[in-house]
Amino acid sequence: MTRRVLVTAGASGIGRAIAERFLIEGAEVAICDVDVDAVADFASAHPAAIARVADVTREADMETFLSLVEARWDRVDVVCANAGTGGPAGLIETLDYGAWQDCVAVNLNGAFLTCRWAARVMRAQGHGLITLTSSTAGIAGYPFRSPYAASKWAIIGLMKTLAMELGPAGVRVNALAPGAVQGPRMDRVVAMEAEAQGRPEEEIRALYVKGVSLRSWVDAEDVANMVHYLASPAGAKISGQTLCIDGHTETLAP
């Protein structure tokens, strides 16, 4: 039976790697993303997939996208609540409240809107896998990044609760906790943190590597491989877990 997989923020980065990992094996895939150009590029590369522009913080956008998916598919096997943003960087007394709210809206509220729909559909069908993208910042403190860390900790609490609520219906829920993932987004984070701390970008990059036991960065494909494993028969009994894909983060302290 062909698997059906939905990924938010699926047009680039981790989300795209997840979507394309399933597409390679012949799955039907639906993605949404707020980046218009990225969605157009994804749709061009994968014309058979459902690809729509949608902002995960806007209930109307998500209702439109999810209703379209539900109308086309009679079930959904994997839902990845993957959308996230790095938020602002700085000591908490320097942060703007609006920037805090924007970070929490994408990282937490977007996951809520996605999981609310997935829970209804999967409970009715009696099976499914939900993954929520947290971060190593969701299991440790993260100086200069309090909005991001707080929202990613909240994702762990949401995941644990949904695993309890949906487990009796045969639905598994897990959280992904990537470390520093190579790519344009992390380049922006490094630049932002360097500015906030008054340090060179090269120093910030070196600290990220130094704080990991394997002394390496993570690739988006590493995260996609974990989702694929969870969706396979080998992962059938894994639920309620926070799964780190990070090379073992020793510290996020600057």
C-alpha atoms as a PDB file:
ATOM      1  CA  MET A   1       0.000   0.000   0.000  1.00  0.00           C
ATOM      2  CA  THR A   2       1.407   3.386  -1.003  1.00  0.00           C
ATOM      3  CA  ARG A   3       2.158   5.552   1.989  1.00  0.00           C
ATOM      4  CA  ARG A   4       0.732   9.042   2.242  1.00  0.00           C
ATOM      5  CA  VAL A   5       2.934  11.608   3.958  1.00  0.00           C
ATOM      6  CA  LEU A   6       2.283  15.240   4.874  1.00  0.00           C
ATOM      7  CA  VAL A   7       5.096  17.633   5.806  1.00  0.00           C
ATOM      8  CA  THR A   8       4.785  21.254   6.915  1.00  0.00           C
ATOM      9  CA  ALA A   9       7.611  23.581   5.858  1.00  0.00           C
ATOM     10  CA  GLY A  10       8.346  20.873   3.328  1.00  0.00           C
ATOM     11  CA  ALA A  11       9.737  22.936   0.463  1.00  0.00           C
ATOM     12  CA  SER A  12      13.263  23.355   1.810  1.00  0.00           C
ATOM     13  CA  GLY A  13      15.680  22.248   4.518  1.00  0.00           C
ATOM     14  CA  ILE A  14      14.725  19.386   6.810  1.00  0.00           C
ATOM     15  CA  GLY A  15      11.147  19.329   5.546  1.00  0.00           C
ATOM     16  CA  ARG A  16      12.185  18.910   1.935  1.00  0.00           C
ATOM     17  CA  ALA A  17      14.673  16.189   2.859  1.00  0.00           C
ATOM     18  CA  ILE A  18      11.881  14.304   4.660  1.00  0.00           C
ATOM     19  CA  ALA A  19       9.454  14.732   1.763  1.00  0.00           C
ATOM     20  CA  GLU A  20      11.985  13.633  -0.840  1.00  0.00           C
ATOM     21  CA  ARG A  21      13.072  10.641   1.251  1.00  0.00           C
ATOM     22  CA  PHE A  22       9.508   9.323   1.055  1.00  0.00           C
ATOM     23  CA  LEU A  23       9.071  10.321  -2.591  1.00  0.00           C
ATOM     24  CA  ILE A  24      12.094   8.190  -3.491  1.00  0.00           C
ATOM     25  CA  GLU A  25      10.287   5.104  -2.234  1.00  0.00           C
ATOM     26  CA  GLY A  26       7.111   5.976  -4.126  1.00  0.00           C
ATOM     27  CA  ALA A  27       5.023   7.574  -1.383  1.00  0.00           C
ATOM     28  CA  GLU A  28       2.360  10.174  -2.092  1.00  0.00           C
ATOM     29  CA  VAL A  29       3.457  13.425  -0.490  1.00  0.00           C
ATOM     30  CA  ALA A  30       1.787  16.713   0.426  1.00  0.00           C
ATOM     31  CA  ILE A  31       3.775  19.721   1.589  1.00  0.00           C
ATOM     32  CA  CYS A  32       3.041  23.277   2.548  1.00  0.00           C
ATOM     33  CA  ASP A  33       5.448  26.132   3.076  1.00  0.00           C
ATOM     34  CA  VAL A  34       5.299  29.886   3.566  1.00  0.00           C
ATOM     35  CA  ASP A  35       8.081  30.457   1.002  1.00  0.00           C
ATOM     36  CA  VAL A  36       6.386  30.999  -2.356  1.00  0.00           C
ATOM     37  CA  ASP A  37       9.528  30.472  -4.429  1.00  0.00           C
ATOM     38  CA  ALA A  38      10.494  27.316  -2.544  1.00  0.00           C
ATOM     39  CA  VAL A  39       7.021  25.844  -3.055  1.00  0.00           C
ATOM     40  CA  ALA A  40       7.200  26.608  -6.774  1.00  0.00           C
ATOM     41  CA  ASP A  41      10.605  24.926  -6.987  1.00  0.00           C
ATOM     42  CA  PHE A  42       9.358  21.855  -5.109  1.00  0.00           C
ATOM     43  CA  ALA A  43       6.258  21.613  -7.298  1.00  0.00           C
ATOM     44  CA  SER A  44       8.393  21.828 -10.429  1.00  0.00           C
ATOM     45  CA  ALA A  45      10.700  19.074  -9.196  1.00  0.00           C
ATOM     46  CA  HIS A  46       7.836  16.863  -7.966  1.00  0.00           C
ATOM     47  CA  PRO A  47       4.718  17.566 -10.052  1.00  0.00           C
ATOM     48  CA  ALA A  48       2.821  14.579  -8.660  1.00  0.00           C
ATOM     49  CA  ALA A  49       3.038  15.896  -5.104  1.00  0.00           C
ATOM     50  CA  ILE A  50       0.599  18.282  -3.456  1.00  0.00           C
ATOM     51  CA  ALA A  51       2.491  21.535  -2.833  1.00  0.00           C
ATOM     52  CA  ARG A  52       0.772  24.637  -1.492  1.00  0.00           C
ATOM     53  CA  VAL A  53       1.722  27.960   0.025  1.00  0.00           C
ATOM     54  CA  ALA A  54       0.430  28.156   3.592  1.00  0.00           C
ATOM     55  CA  ASP A  55       1.455  29.927   6.789  1.00  0.00           C
ATOM     56  CA  VAL A  56       1.280  27.468   9.691  1.00  0.00           C
ATOM     57  CA  THR A  57       0.401  30.287  12.096  1.00  0.00           C
ATOM     58  CA  ARG A  58      -2.758  31.176  10.156  1.00  0.00           C
ATOM     59  CA  GLU A  59      -5.681  28.908  10.943  1.00  0.00           C
ATOM     60  CA  ALA A  60      -7.437  29.745   7.683  1.00  0.00           C
ATOM     61  CA  ASP A  61      -4.348  28.840   5.634  1.00  0.00           C
ATOM     62  CA  MET A  62      -3.986  25.519   7.374  1.00  0.00           C
ATOM     63  CA  GLU A  63      -7.671  24.678   7.102  1.00  0.00           C
ATOM     64  CA  THR A  64      -7.516  25.305   3.353  1.00  0.00           C
ATOM     65  CA  PHE A  65      -4.398  23.176   2.873  1.00  0.00           C
ATOM     66  CA  LEU A  66      -5.460  20.337   5.166  1.00  0.00           C
ATOM     67  CA  SER A  67      -8.978  20.225   3.731  1.00  0.00           C
ATOM     68  CA  LEU A  68      -7.489  19.863   0.255  1.00  0.00           C
ATOM     69  CA  VAL A  69      -5.318  16.959   1.406  1.00  0.00           C
ATOM     70  CA  GLU A  70      -8.220  15.276   3.146  1.00  0.00           C
ATOM     71  CA  ALA A  71     -10.410  15.624   0.050  1.00  0.00           C
ATOM     72  CA  ARG A  72      -7.786  13.950  -2.144  1.00  0.00           C
ATOM     73  CA  TRP A  73      -6.659  11.223   0.249  1.00  0.00           C
ATOM     74  CA  ASP A  74      -8.759   8.716   2.154  1.00  0.00           C
ATOM     75  CA  ARG A  75      -6.105   8.446   4.859  1.00  0.00           C
ATOM     76  CA  VAL A  76      -2.750   9.871   5.944  1.00  0.00           C
ATOM     77  CA  ASP A  77       0.004   7.616   7.270  1.00  0.00           C
ATOM     78  CA  VAL A  78       2.699  10.072   8.367  1.00  0.00           C
ATOM     79  CA  VAL A  79       2.338  13.705   9.415  1.00  0.00           C
ATOM     80  CA  CYS A  80       5.463  15.748  10.122  1.00  0.00           C
ATOM     81  CA  ALA A  81       4.768  18.981  12.018  1.00  0.00           C
ATOM     82  CA  ASN A  82       8.093  20.374  10.941  1.00  0.00           C
ATOM     83  CA  ALA A  83       7.634  24.137  10.506  1.00  0.00           C
ATOM     84  CA  GLY A  84       9.892  26.242  12.669  1.00  0.00           C
ATOM     85  CA  THR A  85      11.813  29.470  12.943  1.00  0.00           C
ATOM     86  CA  GLY A  86      14.961  30.441  14.791  1.00  0.00           C
ATOM     87  CA  GLY A  87      13.464  33.529  16.394  1.00  0.00           C
ATOM     88  CA  PRO A  88      15.518  36.455  17.666  1.00  0.00           C
ATOM     89  CA  ALA A  89      18.900  36.277  19.390  1.00  0.00           C
ATOM     90  CA  GLY A  90      19.946  38.248  22.453  1.00  0.00           C
ATOM     91  CA  LEU A  91      19.757  38.406  26.211  1.00  0.00           C
ATOM     92  CA  ILE A  92      16.133  38.268  27.340  1.00  0.00           C
ATOM     93  CA  GLU A  93      16.120  41.867  28.545  1.00  0.00           C
ATOM     94  CA  THR A  94      16.958  42.998  25.007  1.00  0.00           C
ATOM     95  CA  LEU A  95      14.264  41.012  23.189  1.00  0.00           C
ATOM     96  CA  ASP A  96      11.195  42.459  21.505  1.00  0.00           C
ATOM     97  CA  TYR A  97       7.888  40.959  22.637  1.00  0.00           C
ATOM     98  CA  GLY A  98       6.578  40.801  19.089  1.00  0.00           C
ATOM     99  CA  ALA A  99       9.621  38.799  17.989  1.00  0.00           C
ATOM    100  CA  TRP A 100       9.045  36.429  20.919  1.00  0.00           C
ATOM    101  CA  GLN A 101       5.415  35.961  19.903  1.00  0.00           C
ATOM    102  CA  ASP A 102       6.320  35.361  16.261  1.00  0.00           C
ATOM    103  CA  CYS A 103       8.785  32.615  17.221  1.00  0.00           C
ATOM    104  CA  VAL A 104       6.313  30.852  19.499  1.00  0.00           C
ATOM    105  CA  ALA A 105       3.559  31.187  16.899  1.00  0.00           C
ATOM    106  CA  VAL A 106       5.507  29.315  14.232  1.00  0.00           C
ATOM    107  CA  ASN A 107       7.207  26.719  16.429  1.00  0.00           C
ATOM    108  CA  LEU A 108       4.325  25.877  18.773  1.00  0.00           C
ATOM    109  CA  ASN A 109       1.048  27.192  17.382  1.00  0.00           C
ATOM    110  CA  GLY A 110       1.864  25.813  13.935  1.00  0.00           C
ATOM    111  CA  ALA A 111       2.461  22.388  15.451  1.00  0.00           C
ATOM    112  CA  PHE A 112      -0.847  22.626  17.301  1.00  0.00           C
ATOM    113  CA  LEU A 113      -2.844  23.372  14.145  1.00  0.00           C
ATOM    114  CA  THR A 114      -1.147  20.531  12.266  1.00  0.00           C
ATOM    115  CA  CYS A 115      -1.494  17.994  15.066  1.00  0.00           C
ATOM    116  CA  ARG A 116      -5.106  18.899  15.792  1.00  0.00           C
ATOM    117  CA  TRP A 117      -6.019  17.860  12.259  1.00  0.00           C
ATOM    118  CA  ALA A 118      -3.732  14.811  12.228  1.00  0.00           C
ATOM    119  CA  ALA A 119      -5.142  13.580  15.533  1.00  0.00           C
ATOM    120  CA  ARG A 120      -8.720  13.681  14.252  1.00  0.00           C
ATOM    121  CA  VAL A 121      -7.906  11.903  11.000  1.00  0.00           C
ATOM    122  CA  MET A 122      -5.594   9.289  12.492  1.00  0.00           C
ATOM    123  CA  ARG A 123      -7.825   8.490  15.454  1.00  0.00           C
ATOM    124  CA  ALA A 124     -10.650   7.759  13.030  1.00  0.00           C
ATOM    125  CA  GLN A 125      -8.521   5.519  10.811  1.00  0.00           C
ATOM    126  CA  GLY A 126      -6.874   3.723  13.748  1.00  0.00           C
ATOM    127  CA  HIS A 127      -3.219   4.164  12.794  1.00  0.00           C
ATOM    128  CA  GLY A 128      -0.563   6.710  11.929  1.00  0.00           C
ATOM    129  CA  LEU A 129       2.703   8.378  12.863  1.00  0.00           C
ATOM    130  CA  ILE A 130       3.112  12.008  13.880  1.00  0.00           C
ATOM    131  CA  THR A 131       6.518  13.611  14.262  1.00  0.00           C
ATOM    132  CA  LEU A 132       7.082  17.049  15.722  1.00  0.00           C
ATOM    133  CA  THR A 133      10.354  18.819  15.043  1.00  0.00           C
ATOM    134  CA  SER A 134      11.874  20.066  18.276  1.00  0.00           C
ATOM    135  CA  SER A 135      15.617  20.620  18.740  1.00  0.00           C
ATOM    136  CA  THR A 136      18.468  19.856  21.088  1.00  0.00           C
ATOM    137  CA  ALA A 137      17.477  23.286  22.409  1.00  0.00           C
ATOM    138  CA  GLY A 138      14.242  21.587  23.489  1.00  0.00           C
ATOM    139  CA  ILE A 139      16.085  19.458  26.043  1.00  0.00           C
ATOM    140  CA  ALA A 140      18.736  21.941  27.219  1.00  0.00           C
ATOM    141  CA  GLY A 141      19.083  25.642  27.871  1.00  0.00           C
ATOM    142  CA  TYR A 142      20.209  27.825  24.993  1.00  0.00           C
ATOM    143  CA  PRO A 143      21.757  31.169  25.981  1.00  0.00           C
ATOM    144  CA  PHE A 144      20.808  34.139  23.779  1.00  0.00           C
ATOM    145  CA  ARG A 145      17.955  32.091  22.235  1.00  0.00           C
ATOM    146  CA  SER A 146      15.252  31.970  24.917  1.00  0.00           C
ATOM    147  CA  PRO A 147      12.191  32.194  22.592  1.00  0.00           C
ATOM    148  CA  TYR A 148      13.492  29.342  20.463  1.00  0.00           C
ATOM    149  CA  ALA A 149      14.432  27.171  23.431  1.00  0.00           C
ATOM    150  CA  ALA A 150      11.141  27.781  25.238  1.00  0.00           C
ATOM    151  CA  SER A 151       9.043  26.933  22.172  1.00  0.00           C
ATOM    152  CA  LYS A 152      11.061  23.800  21.444  1.00  0.00           C
ATOM    153  CA  TRP A 153      10.704  22.620  25.057  1.00  0.00           C
ATOM    154  CA  ALA A 154       6.959  23.135  24.647  1.00  0.00           C
ATOM    155  CA  ILE A 155       7.014  20.838  21.611  1.00  0.00           C
ATOM    156  CA  ILE A 156       8.302  18.020  23.841  1.00  0.00           C
ATOM    157  CA  GLY A 157       5.384  18.491  26.226  1.00  0.00           C
ATOM    158  CA  LEU A 158       2.916  18.516  23.349  1.00  0.00           C
ATOM    159  CA  MET A 159       4.451  15.353  21.907  1.00  0.00           C
ATOM    160  CA  LYS A 160       4.335  13.480  25.224  1.00  0.00           C
ATOM    161  CA  THR A 161       0.715  14.418  25.765  1.00  0.00           C
ATOM    162  CA  LEU A 162      -0.368  13.461  22.250  1.00  0.00           C
ATOM    163  CA  ALA A 163       1.431  10.117  22.528  1.00  0.00           C
ATOM    164  CA  MET A 164      -0.725   9.402  25.596  1.00  0.00           C
ATOM    165  CA  GLU A 165      -3.941  10.659  24.035  1.00  0.00           C
ATOM    166  CA  LEU A 166      -3.523   8.870  20.716  1.00  0.00           C
ATOM    167  CA  GLY A 167      -1.690   5.708  21.702  1.00  0.00           C
ATOM    168  CA  PRO A 168      -4.877   3.767  22.508  1.00  0.00           C
ATOM    169  CA  ALA A 169      -6.066   4.536  18.954  1.00  0.00           C
ATOM    170  CA  GLY A 170      -2.931   3.014  17.437  1.00  0.00           C
ATOM    171  CA  VAL A 171      -1.268   6.344  16.636  1.00  0.00           C
ATOM    172  CA  ARG A 172       2.382   6.963  17.494  1.00  0.00           C
ATOM    173  CA  VAL A 173       3.822  10.404  18.255  1.00  0.00           C
ATOM    174  CA  ASN A 174       7.512  11.274  18.563  1.00  0.00           C
ATOM    175  CA  ALA A 175       9.688  14.374  18.604  1.00  0.00           C
ATOM    176  CA  LEU A 176      12.805  14.933  16.528  1.00  0.00           C
ATOM    177  CA  ALA A 177      15.631  16.848  18.174  1.00  0.00           C
ATOM    178  CA  PRO A 178      18.158  17.780  15.511  1.00  0.00           C
ATOM    179  CA  GLY A 179      21.414  19.436  16.392  1.00  0.00           C
ATOM    180  CA  ALA A 180      22.954  22.130  14.215  1.00  0.00           C
ATOM    181  CA  VAL A 181      21.833  21.272  10.684  1.00  0.00           C
ATOM    182  CA  GLN A 182      24.012  22.516   7.841  1.00  0.00           C
ATOM    183  CA  GLY A 183      22.348  24.847   5.385  1.00  0.00           C
ATOM    184  CA  PRO A 184      21.185  28.405   4.716  1.00  0.00           C
ATOM    185  CA  ARG A 185      18.995  28.548   7.824  1.00  0.00           C
ATOM    186  CA  MET A 186      21.892  27.691  10.119  1.00  0.00           C
ATOM    187  CA  ASP A 187      24.047  30.214   8.289  1.00  0.00           C
ATOM    188  CA  ARG A 188      21.498  32.871   9.241  1.00  0.00           C
ATOM    189  CA  VAL A 189      21.409  31.658  12.844  1.00  0.00           C
ATOM    190  CA  VAL A 190      25.190  31.804  13.132  1.00  0.00           C
ATOM    191  CA  ALA A 191      25.241  35.333  11.729  1.00  0.00           C
ATOM    192  CA  MET A 192      22.476  36.415  14.129  1.00  0.00           C
ATOM    193  CA  GLU A 193      24.188  34.895  17.160  1.00  0.00           C
ATOM    194  CA  ALA A 194      27.540  36.375  16.195  1.00  0.00           C
ATOM    195  CA  GLU A 195      25.972  39.823  16.058  1.00  0.00           C
ATOM    196  CA  ALA A 196      24.106  39.354  19.354  1.00  0.00           C
ATOM    197  CA  GLN A 197      27.254  38.178  21.153  1.00  0.00           C
ATOM    198  CA  GLY A 198      29.735  40.478  19.438  1.00  0.00           C
ATOM    199  CA  ARG A 199      31.815  37.557  18.180  1.00  0.00           C
ATOM    200  CA  PRO A 200      33.112  36.547  14.739  1.00  0.00           C
ATOM    201  CA  GLU A 201      30.949  34.048  12.849  1.00  0.00           C
ATOM    202  CA  GLU A 202      33.900  31.638  12.606  1.00  0.00           C
ATOM    203  CA  GLU A 203      34.070  31.516  16.395  1.00  0.00           C
ATOM    204  CA  ILE A 204      30.377  30.710  16.690  1.00  0.00           C
ATOM    205  CA  ARG A 205      30.711  27.913  14.116  1.00  0.00           C
ATOM    206  CA  ALA A 206      33.667  26.462  15.984  1.00  0.00           C
ATOM    207  CA  LEU A 207      31.702  26.478  19.242  1.00  0.00           C
ATOM    208  CA  TYR A 208      28.849  24.519  17.652  1.00  0.00           C
ATOM    209  CA  VAL A 209      31.257  21.803  16.504  1.00  0.00           C
ATOM    210  CA  LYS A 210      33.208  21.789  19.767  1.00  0.00           C
ATOM    211  CA  GLY A 211      30.011  21.234  21.764  1.00  0.00           C
ATOM    212  CA  VAL A 212      29.194  17.981  19.925  1.00  0.00           C
ATOM    213  CA  SER A 213      30.842  14.662  20.794  1.00  0.00           C
ATOM    214  CA  LEU A 214      31.177  13.665  17.130  1.00  0.00           C
ATOM    215  CA  ARG A 215      32.615  17.125  16.364  1.00  0.00           C
ATOM    216  CA  SER A 216      30.382  17.460  13.315  1.00  0.00           C
ATOM    217  CA  TRP A 217      27.301  19.153  11.931  1.00  0.00           C
ATOM    218  CA  VAL A 218      24.099  17.334  11.008  1.00  0.00           C
ATOM    219  CA  ASP A 219      22.703  17.030   7.485  1.00  0.00           C
ATOM    220  CA  ALA A 220      18.987  17.368   6.737  1.00  0.00           C
ATOM    221  CA  GLU A 221      19.132  13.848   5.305  1.00  0.00           C
ATOM    222  CA  ASP A 222      20.151  12.518   8.722  1.00  0.00           C
ATOM    223  CA  VAL A 223      16.858  13.794  10.139  1.00  0.00           C
ATOM    224  CA  ALA A 224      14.897  12.443   7.169  1.00  0.00           C
ATOM    225  CA  ASN A 225      16.426   9.016   7.727  1.00  0.00           C
ATOM    226  CA  MET A 226      15.171   9.019  11.318  1.00  0.00           C
ATOM    227  CA  VAL A 227      11.613   9.784  10.199  1.00  0.00           C
ATOM    228  CA  HIS A 228      11.815   7.043   7.591  1.00  0.00           C
ATOM    229  CA  TYR A 229      12.969   4.595  10.268  1.00  0.00           C
ATOM    230  CA  LEU A 230      10.108   5.572  12.580  1.00  0.00           C
ATOM    231  CA  ALA A 231       7.648   5.013   9.735  1.00  0.00           C
ATOM    232  CA  SER A 232       9.102   1.584   8.959  1.00  0.00           C
ATOM    233  CA  PRO A 233       8.108  -1.720  10.605  1.00  0.00           C
ATOM    234  CA  ALA A 234      11.328  -1.481  12.645  1.00  0.00           C
ATOM    235  CA  GLY A 235       9.958   1.610  14.411  1.00  0.00           C
ATOM    236  CA  ALA A 236       6.482   0.225  15.057  1.00  0.00           C
ATOM    237  CA  LYS A 237       6.777   0.315  18.871  1.00  0.00           C
ATOM    238  CA  ILE A 238       8.518   3.669  19.222  1.00  0.00           C
ATOM    239  CA  SER A 239       6.241   6.361  20.622  1.00  0.00           C
ATOM    240  CA  GLY A 240       6.453   9.181  23.131  1.00  0.00           C
ATOM    241  CA  GLN A 241      10.174   9.614  22.528  1.00  0.00           C
ATOM    242  CA  THR A 242      12.462  12.559  21.915  1.00  0.00           C
ATOM    243  CA  LEU A 243      14.988  11.334  19.366  1.00  0.00           C
ATOM    244  CA  CYS A 244      18.201  13.320  19.100  1.00  0.00           C
ATOM    245  CA  ILE A 245      19.912  13.456  15.717  1.00  0.00           C
ATOM    246  CA  ASP A 246      22.877  15.553  16.759  1.00  0.00           C
ATOM    247  CA  GLY A 247      26.086  13.597  17.237  1.00  0.00           C
ATOM    248  CA  HIS A 248      25.493  13.993  20.994  1.00  0.00           C
ATOM    249  CA  THR A 249      25.314  17.606  22.054  1.00  0.00           C
ATOM    250  CA  GLU A 250      27.431  18.193  25.154  1.00  0.00           C
ATOM    251  CA  THR A 251      26.645  21.876  25.544  1.00  0.00           C
ATOM    252  CA  LEU A 252      24.845  24.754  23.844  1.00  0.00           C
ATOM    253  CA  ALA A 253      26.542  27.295  26.092  1.00  0.00           C
ATOM    254  CA  PRO A 254      28.470  30.034  24.287  1.00  0.00           C
END
